[in-house]
Protein backbone atom coordinates (compact mmCIF):
# COMPACT_ATOMS: atom_id res chain seq x y z
CA MET A 1 -3.19 23.99 7.29
CA LYS A 2 0.57 23.59 7.50
CA LEU A 3 1.83 23.05 11.09
CA ASN A 4 -1.62 23.72 12.57
CA LEU A 5 -1.82 20.19 13.95
CA LEU A 6 1.64 20.44 15.49
CA SER A 7 0.96 23.91 16.95
CA PHE A 8 -2.32 22.76 18.48
CA ALA A 9 -0.64 19.71 20.02
CA MET A 10 2.17 21.79 21.54
CA LEU A 11 -0.31 24.29 23.02
CA SER A 12 -2.38 21.44 24.43
CA VAL A 13 0.67 19.82 26.01
CA LEU A 14 1.72 23.07 27.69
CA THR A 15 -1.81 23.86 28.90
CA THR A 16 -2.47 20.39 30.28
CA THR A 17 0.92 20.23 31.97
CA THR A 18 0.27 23.61 33.65
CA PHE A 19 -2.93 22.38 35.29
CA ALA A 20 -1.73 18.87 36.11
CA ALA A 21 2.02 19.22 36.53
CA ASP A 22 2.25 16.87 39.49
CA ASN A 23 0.38 14.07 37.75
CA PHE A 24 2.32 14.41 34.51
CA LEU A 25 5.80 14.92 35.89
CA SER A 26 5.69 12.25 38.60
CA GLN A 27 5.37 9.59 35.91
CA THR A 28 7.46 11.26 33.22
CA LYS A 29 10.07 9.02 31.61
CA PHE A 30 13.22 10.21 29.87
CA SER A 31 14.89 8.07 27.22
CA LEU A 32 17.79 8.48 24.83
CA ASP A 33 18.85 6.52 21.83
CA SER A 34 22.02 7.16 19.88
CA ARG A 35 23.46 5.62 16.75
CA LEU A 36 26.97 5.83 15.32
CA ARG A 37 27.14 4.55 11.75
CA TYR A 38 29.67 4.00 9.00
CA GLU A 39 28.24 3.45 5.50
CA LEU A 40 30.28 2.54 2.42
CA VAL A 41 28.72 2.80 -1.05
CA ASP A 42 30.68 1.42 -4.03
CA GLN A 43 28.97 1.80 -7.42
CA ASP A 44 30.19 0.92 -10.91
CA ASN A 45 29.94 4.48 -12.26
CA GLN A 46 31.86 7.76 -12.27
CA LEU A 47 31.00 8.68 -8.67
CA LYS A 48 33.55 8.38 -5.90
CA ASN A 49 32.89 5.75 -3.25
CA ALA A 50 30.96 7.11 -0.30
CA ASP A 51 32.60 6.69 3.12
CA ALA A 52 30.03 8.21 5.44
CA TRP A 53 30.39 8.61 9.20
CA THR A 54 27.28 9.96 10.94
CA LEU A 55 26.02 10.21 14.51
CA ARG A 56 22.38 10.46 15.55
CA LEU A 57 21.07 11.48 19.01
CA ARG A 58 17.40 11.27 19.91
CA PRO A 59 16.23 12.35 23.42
CA SER A 60 12.59 11.74 24.41
CA LEU A 61 10.16 12.64 27.20
CA GLU A 62 6.97 10.68 27.79
CA THR A 63 4.55 11.81 30.48
CA GLY A 64 2.27 9.75 32.63
CA SER A 65 -1.49 9.74 32.09
CA TRP A 66 -3.91 12.25 33.62
CA HIS A 67 -7.60 11.55 32.98
CA GLY A 68 -6.54 9.68 29.84
CA LEU A 69 -4.26 12.47 28.57
CA SER A 70 -0.55 11.94 27.98
CA ALA A 71 2.15 13.66 25.95
CA PHE A 72 5.27 12.65 24.08
CA VAL A 73 8.10 14.94 22.91
CA GLN A 74 11.20 13.83 21.02
CA GLY A 75 14.13 15.75 19.57
CA GLU A 76 16.47 14.53 16.88
CA GLY A 77 19.96 15.63 15.89
CA THR A 78 22.22 14.13 13.22
CA VAL A 79 25.86 15.11 12.66
CA GLU A 80 27.91 14.50 9.51
CA ILE A 81 31.27 13.53 11.02
CA ASN A 82 33.03 13.68 7.64
CA ASP A 83 32.16 14.89 4.13
CA HIS A 84 33.18 11.93 1.95
CA PHE A 85 29.62 11.31 0.76
CA ASN A 86 26.70 13.12 -0.84
CA SER A 87 24.21 13.71 1.97
CA THR A 88 21.93 15.70 -0.42
CA ARG A 89 22.74 18.77 1.74
CA ASN A 90 26.55 19.06 1.72
CA ALA A 91 27.07 19.72 -2.04
CA GLU A 92 29.48 16.74 -2.29
CA THR A 93 27.92 15.56 -5.56
CA ASN A 94 31.08 13.76 -6.76
CA TYR A 95 30.33 11.02 -4.20
CA SER A 96 27.63 8.36 -4.08
CA THR A 97 24.60 9.32 -2.01
CA VAL A 98 24.05 8.45 1.64
CA PRO A 99 20.83 10.32 2.57
CA ASP A 100 21.67 11.00 6.22
CA PRO A 101 22.13 14.79 6.20
CA GLN A 102 22.94 17.00 9.15
CA ASN A 103 19.74 17.72 10.97
CA LEU A 104 18.32 19.32 14.12
CA GLU A 105 14.58 19.18 14.58
CA LEU A 106 11.57 18.35 16.70
CA ASN A 107 11.00 14.77 15.61
CA GLN A 108 7.78 14.06 17.48
CA ALA A 109 5.45 16.11 19.70
CA TYR A 110 1.94 14.89 20.23
CA LEU A 111 -0.88 14.77 22.74
CA LYS A 112 -2.68 11.45 23.20
CA TYR A 113 -6.07 10.83 24.73
CA THR A 114 -6.92 7.25 25.72
CA TYR A 115 -10.50 6.73 26.81
CA SER A 116 -10.06 2.97 27.14
CA PRO A 117 -8.32 0.15 25.27
CA LYS A 118 -11.19 0.58 22.78
CA PHE A 119 -10.48 4.23 21.86
CA ASP A 120 -7.47 6.54 21.55
CA LEU A 121 -6.76 9.77 19.69
CA SER A 122 -3.36 11.38 18.95
CA ILE A 123 -2.77 14.86 17.57
CA GLY A 124 0.56 16.41 16.60
CA ARG A 125 3.84 15.30 15.06
CA GLN A 126 4.01 11.51 15.30
CA ALA A 127 5.45 8.35 13.81
CA ILE A 128 2.96 6.19 11.91
CA ASN A 129 3.77 2.57 11.05
CA LEU A 130 0.96 0.65 9.38
CA ASP A 131 1.16 -3.15 9.10
CA ASN A 132 4.56 -4.10 7.62
CA GLN A 133 5.22 -0.44 6.59
CA ARG A 134 4.91 -1.26 2.88
CA PHE A 135 2.73 1.81 2.35
CA VAL A 136 3.26 4.01 5.44
CA GLY A 137 6.21 3.94 7.81
CA SER A 138 8.71 6.02 9.80
CA VAL A 139 11.82 4.84 7.86
CA ALA A 140 13.67 4.02 11.09
CA TRP A 141 16.66 2.65 9.15
CA ARG A 142 17.83 6.12 8.15
CA GLN A 143 19.35 8.43 10.75
CA ASN A 144 16.50 10.94 10.37
CA ASP A 145 12.99 9.57 10.90
CA GLN A 146 10.02 10.23 8.66
CA THR A 147 7.22 11.62 10.84
CA PHE A 148 3.81 13.13 10.21
CA ASP A 149 1.90 16.17 11.44
CA ALA A 150 -1.36 14.34 11.88
CA ILE A 151 -4.52 13.42 13.72
CA SER A 152 -4.82 9.66 14.22
CA LEU A 153 -7.68 7.66 15.70
CA ASN A 154 -8.01 4.04 16.85
CA ILE A 155 -11.39 2.49 17.59
CA LYS A 156 -11.61 -1.14 18.72
CA PRO A 157 -15.14 -2.03 19.87
CA CYS A 158 -14.15 -5.69 20.32
CA LYS A 159 -10.97 -7.74 20.07
CA GLU A 160 -12.00 -9.11 16.66
CA PHE A 161 -12.54 -5.75 14.93
CA GLY A 162 -10.81 -2.38 14.78
CA LEU A 163 -10.84 0.87 12.79
CA TYR A 164 -7.96 3.26 12.17
CA TYR A 165 -8.01 6.70 10.57
CA ALA A 166 -5.35 9.37 10.16
CA TYR A 167 -5.28 12.76 8.45
CA ILE A 168 -1.81 14.11 7.60
CA ASP A 169 -1.20 17.73 6.62
CA GLN A 170 2.60 17.57 6.51
CA VAL A 171 5.17 14.84 5.95
CA ASN A 172 8.53 15.45 7.66
CA THR A 173 10.88 13.45 5.47
CA ILE A 174 14.25 11.79 6.11
CA PHE A 175 16.01 14.77 4.51
CA GLY A 176 15.72 16.81 7.68
CA SER A 177 15.94 20.48 8.55
CA GLU A 178 18.70 21.74 6.22
CA ASP A 179 18.24 23.09 2.67
CA ALA A 180 19.29 20.91 -0.25
CA LYS A 181 22.61 21.73 -1.93
CA PRO A 182 23.77 22.57 -4.54
CA LYS A 183 20.18 22.94 -5.82
CA PHE A 184 16.62 22.36 -4.67
CA VAL A 185 15.06 19.00 -5.54
CA ALA A 186 11.34 18.75 -4.76
CA ALA A 187 11.47 15.03 -4.00
CA GLN A 188 14.22 15.68 -1.42
CA ASP A 189 12.49 18.51 0.42
CA GLY A 190 12.48 18.12 4.19
CA LYS A 191 8.78 19.05 4.45
CA GLN A 192 5.99 17.95 2.12
CA THR A 193 2.68 19.77 2.57
CA SER A 194 -0.12 17.29 2.04
CA GLN A 195 -3.74 16.28 2.44
CA ILE A 196 -3.55 12.58 3.16
CA HIS A 197 -6.24 10.23 4.45
CA LEU A 198 -5.30 6.79 5.79
CA ILE A 199 -8.16 4.38 6.52
CA GLN A 200 -8.03 0.80 7.78
CA ALA A 201 -10.52 -1.79 8.98
CA LYS A 202 -8.96 -4.76 10.78
CA MET A 203 -10.65 -8.10 11.39
CA ASN A 204 -8.98 -10.74 13.55
CA TYR A 205 -11.01 -13.92 13.17
CA ASN A 206 -8.49 -16.41 14.52
CA PRO A 207 -4.73 -17.06 14.29
CA LEU A 208 -5.21 -18.60 10.83
CA LEU A 209 -6.98 -15.59 9.29
CA ASN A 210 -6.50 -11.88 9.97
CA ALA A 211 -7.64 -9.32 7.41
CA THR A 212 -6.96 -5.61 6.84
CA LEU A 213 -9.01 -3.60 4.35
CA TYR A 214 -7.40 -0.25 3.55
CA GLY A 215 -7.68 2.92 1.53
CA TYR A 216 -4.86 5.48 1.28
CA LEU A 217 -5.62 8.79 -0.44
CA MET A 218 -2.45 10.89 -0.87
CA ASP A 219 -2.44 14.46 -2.17
CA PHE A 220 0.99 16.15 -2.14
CA GLU A 221 0.69 19.90 -2.69
CA ASP A 222 4.13 20.52 -4.21
CA LEU A 223 4.83 17.07 -5.63
CA SER A 224 1.80 16.03 -7.64
CA ALA A 225 3.69 13.13 -9.25
CA TRP A 226 3.49 11.39 -5.84
CA SER A 227 -0.30 11.82 -5.50
CA ASN A 228 -2.25 8.56 -5.69
CA GLN A 229 -5.15 6.60 -4.28
CA THR A 230 -4.64 2.99 -3.24
CA TYR A 231 -7.20 0.43 -2.08
CA GLY A 232 -6.30 -3.06 -0.95
CA LEU A 233 -6.73 -6.15 1.20
CA ARG A 234 -4.03 -7.80 3.32
CA LEU A 235 -4.41 -11.30 4.79
CA THR A 236 -2.10 -12.86 7.36
CA GLY A 237 -2.19 -15.99 9.45
CA LYS A 238 -0.22 -18.76 11.08
CA LYS A 239 -0.61 -22.38 12.08
CA ASN A 240 1.99 -24.36 13.98
CA ASN A 241 5.38 -23.38 12.48
CA PHE A 242 3.97 -21.88 9.28
CA ARG A 243 2.86 -18.33 8.59
CA TYR A 244 1.62 -16.61 5.43
CA VAL A 245 0.98 -13.17 3.94
CA ALA A 246 -1.25 -12.53 0.92
CA GLU A 247 -1.96 -8.99 -0.26
CA TYR A 248 -3.53 -7.24 -3.24
CA ALA A 249 -3.96 -3.52 -3.98
CA LYS A 250 -4.97 -1.31 -6.88
CA GLN A 251 -3.58 2.21 -7.38
CA SER A 252 -4.71 5.06 -9.62
CA GLU A 253 -4.31 8.81 -10.05
CA TYR A 254 -5.60 11.19 -7.37
CA ALA A 255 -5.79 14.97 -6.84
CA ASP A 256 -3.37 16.75 -9.22
CA GLN A 257 -1.50 13.63 -10.38
CA PRO A 258 -0.77 14.50 -14.06
CA ILE A 259 -0.92 10.90 -15.39
CA ASN A 260 -4.10 8.85 -15.57
CA TYR A 261 -3.22 5.25 -14.70
CA ASP A 262 -4.15 1.99 -13.03
CA ALA A 263 -1.51 -0.29 -11.53
CA ASP A 264 -1.76 -3.44 -9.43
CA TYR A 265 0.21 -4.65 -6.43
CA TYR A 266 0.31 -8.13 -5.02
CA ALA A 267 2.52 -9.99 -2.60
CA LEU A 268 2.73 -13.57 -1.36
CA GLU A 269 5.01 -14.83 1.41
CA LEU A 270 5.30 -18.14 3.24
CA GLY A 271 7.46 -18.48 6.34
CA TYR A 272 8.52 -21.51 8.35
CA SER A 273 9.85 -21.23 11.91
CA ILE A 274 12.57 -23.64 13.01
CA THR A 275 12.39 -24.68 16.64
CA ASP A 276 14.19 -27.07 18.95
CA LYS A 277 12.39 -28.36 22.03
CA GLY A 278 10.16 -25.29 22.06
CA SER A 279 12.99 -22.78 21.58
CA ALA A 280 12.96 -20.58 18.46
CA LEU A 281 16.07 -21.03 16.33
CA GLY A 282 15.05 -18.90 13.35
CA GLU A 283 12.89 -18.65 10.24
CA ILE A 284 13.14 -19.18 6.49
CA ALA A 285 10.73 -17.33 4.18
CA LEU A 286 9.97 -17.42 0.45
CA GLY A 287 8.16 -14.52 -1.18
CA TYR A 288 7.06 -12.93 -4.43
CA GLU A 289 6.12 -9.25 -4.77
CA VAL A 290 4.87 -7.35 -7.82
CA LEU A 291 4.59 -3.59 -8.23
CA GLY A 292 2.78 -3.39 -11.54
CA SER A 293 3.05 -1.00 -14.47
CA ASP A 294 0.39 0.61 -16.64
CA ASP A 295 1.82 -0.20 -20.09
CA GLY A 296 5.21 1.23 -19.19
CA LYS A 297 4.01 4.83 -18.65
CA ILE A 298 3.96 4.75 -14.84
CA ALA A 299 4.28 2.11 -12.13
CA PHE A 300 2.83 1.43 -8.70
CA GLN A 301 4.56 3.69 -6.15
CA THR A 302 4.74 3.76 -2.34
CA PRO A 303 6.03 7.27 -1.47
CA LEU A 304 5.50 7.00 2.31
CA ALA A 305 6.81 3.45 2.82
CA THR A 306 9.79 2.31 4.86
CA LYS A 307 11.35 1.26 1.57
CA HIS A 308 14.63 -0.10 2.92
CA LYS A 309 12.67 -3.10 4.25
CA PHE A 310 11.67 -4.13 0.72
CA ASN A 311 13.34 -5.05 -2.59
CA GLY A 312 16.86 -5.29 -1.21
CA TRP A 313 19.01 -3.29 1.17
CA ALA A 314 21.00 -1.63 -1.64
CA ASP A 315 17.96 0.66 -2.13
CA LEU A 316 18.02 0.55 -5.94
CA PHE A 317 14.22 0.43 -6.21
CA LEU A 318 13.10 3.25 -3.90
CA THR A 319 11.20 4.57 -6.93
CA THR A 320 9.55 1.78 -8.91
CA PRO A 321 10.82 1.76 -12.54
CA VAL A 322 8.18 2.73 -15.13
CA ASN A 323 8.04 -0.89 -16.37
CA GLY A 324 7.22 -2.11 -12.87
CA LEU A 325 9.06 -4.56 -10.63
CA THR A 326 8.78 -8.23 -9.70
CA ASP A 327 10.84 -9.51 -6.78
CA LEU A 328 11.28 -13.22 -6.11
CA TYR A 329 13.15 -13.61 -2.83
CA ILE A 330 14.18 -15.97 -0.06
CA SER A 331 15.21 -14.74 3.38
CA SER A 332 16.43 -16.27 6.61
CA ASN A 333 16.85 -15.10 10.20
CA PHE A 334 18.57 -17.17 12.89
CA ASN A 335 19.44 -16.69 16.55
CA VAL A 336 23.14 -17.48 16.94
CA PHE A 337 25.84 -17.18 19.61
CA GLY A 338 23.40 -16.48 22.40
CA LYS A 339 22.40 -12.87 21.76
CA GLY A 340 23.32 -12.68 18.08
CA LYS A 341 21.02 -12.54 15.04
CA LEU A 342 22.11 -13.58 11.55
CA GLY A 343 20.00 -12.57 8.55
CA THR A 344 20.28 -13.19 4.81
CA GLU A 345 18.29 -12.19 1.72
CA LEU A 346 18.51 -13.26 -1.93
CA HIS A 347 16.49 -11.39 -4.59
CA GLN A 348 15.87 -11.87 -8.30
CA TYR A 349 14.44 -8.72 -9.92
CA ARG A 350 12.56 -8.47 -13.22
CA SER A 351 10.22 -5.94 -14.82
CA ASP A 352 6.45 -6.30 -14.88
CA GLU A 353 6.35 -5.07 -18.50
CA LYS A 354 8.75 -5.95 -21.36
CA ASN A 355 10.24 -9.01 -19.57
CA MET A 356 13.45 -7.23 -18.54
CA ASP A 357 16.03 -8.88 -16.25
CA TYR A 358 16.93 -6.10 -13.82
CA GLY A 359 19.48 -8.00 -11.75
CA GLN A 360 19.96 -9.91 -8.51
CA GLU A 361 21.02 -9.04 -4.97
CA PHE A 362 22.47 -10.91 -2.00
CA SER A 363 22.54 -9.42 1.50
CA VAL A 364 23.75 -10.55 4.91
CA SER A 365 23.58 -8.95 8.36
CA TYR A 366 24.70 -9.79 11.87
CA SER A 367 23.65 -7.97 15.04
CA HIS A 368 24.64 -8.67 18.63
CA ALA A 369 23.67 -7.29 22.02
CA LEU A 370 26.84 -6.26 23.87
CA PRO A 371 27.57 -6.79 27.59
CA ILE A 372 26.78 -3.14 28.43
CA LYS A 373 23.04 -2.70 28.97
CA GLY A 374 21.41 -0.92 26.02
CA LEU A 375 24.43 -1.27 23.71
CA SER A 376 24.33 -3.29 20.49
CA ALA A 377 26.35 -3.62 17.29
CA LEU A 378 25.43 -4.33 13.68
CA ALA A 379 27.34 -5.30 10.55
CA LYS A 380 25.46 -5.44 7.27
CA PHE A 381 26.42 -5.97 3.61
CA SER A 382 24.51 -5.96 0.33
CA ASP A 383 25.69 -6.74 -3.21
CA TYR A 384 23.49 -5.83 -6.21
CA GLN A 385 24.56 -7.27 -9.56
CA ALA A 386 22.99 -5.28 -12.40
CA GLU A 387 21.74 -6.76 -15.67
CA GLU A 388 19.31 -4.33 -17.35
CA PHE A 389 18.74 -1.81 -14.55
CA SER A 390 21.09 0.59 -12.73
CA VAL A 391 24.71 -0.40 -12.01
CA ASP A 392 26.57 -2.88 -9.82
CA THR A 393 26.31 -1.59 -6.26
CA GLN A 394 27.86 -2.76 -3.00
CA LYS A 395 27.02 -1.31 0.40
CA LEU A 396 28.51 -1.96 3.81
CA TRP A 397 27.28 -0.72 7.18
CA LEU A 398 28.95 -0.85 10.59
CA GLN A 399 26.84 0.47 13.42
CA MET A 400 26.68 0.93 17.19
CA ASP A 401 23.38 1.67 18.97
CA TYR A 402 22.88 2.75 22.56
CA LYS A 403 19.46 3.04 24.19
CA TYR A 404 18.89 4.41 27.67
């Protein structure tokens, strides 16, 4: 079924536009976002430090609506400005990895039908971000998005209840359109053929209690070690200046996964917003997350997550170690200097099995909207101090974004 969903969506867009060109084009919006980034990676091993300069351009067209039909098309191009890093495609394996390879592709192209606020259907290549993106996300941090050739459906019969379903037959990963060099690595393929079902039921009782029941069934045709089925419950709520998250999930083998296993996931987070005379100053949050292990043979995995958002910005735990992972963390975000945002994170990592001390990590970031409309800057740093997992790793990012 590879690319059938994308091909159908493209044909539908062209056909609908032919018969309703005036309606579509009169409301069509063009947008562009660009990102220039420098990334330094310094690891305590034999690899050379990565000094990566990359540039990403992403033009988009979004049509107006005609009898509930609309279309969205987005291109994406990434350029490696230098070669002092291992992009996974440039054969520079003496350097630390920065997975932002050169890329030119159709990032999104889908047709959407909206019957009412209670029903919409999208078909084609699309970004999917579920909840906090712990299980499914578009990995917007990397230069190349992760998108999905999919059918997705939202049904919301009332404001307190909603259903979501998506079927994905191809994952378009962050590794882009180029072939891996110097050799093929299945986990770094730009396209992953799949049969994935994503199911959610959302219940919004009141601000203090919102619940999401979910089931994610993931079958990867050429990467059976990623295949899994996960079922869980996520609770969120807030009262006054406090908010909370409580989540539990159980994962086991699915499809052609070669290992029979059961692993648990749970997460708890409590946040407190700091205000002054009704104005938001920032937030402090304390959390604890566990990706469990089945007796050290395999651990809970989240292959489609936006993983950079979790377990530290140094990205040392993109694949959960076989003995699992526990992450005790505190984070803060404050509005400073008018249009600036200052963020910090502190993590203490341990294993779920065998009581191993993996290490700790401290991170800080500062972003600021610049005087030119649509232009912003970001500086970000992370320092991972290894104990019993991986090696000492420091990463620095300097970034400029422009959105039109």
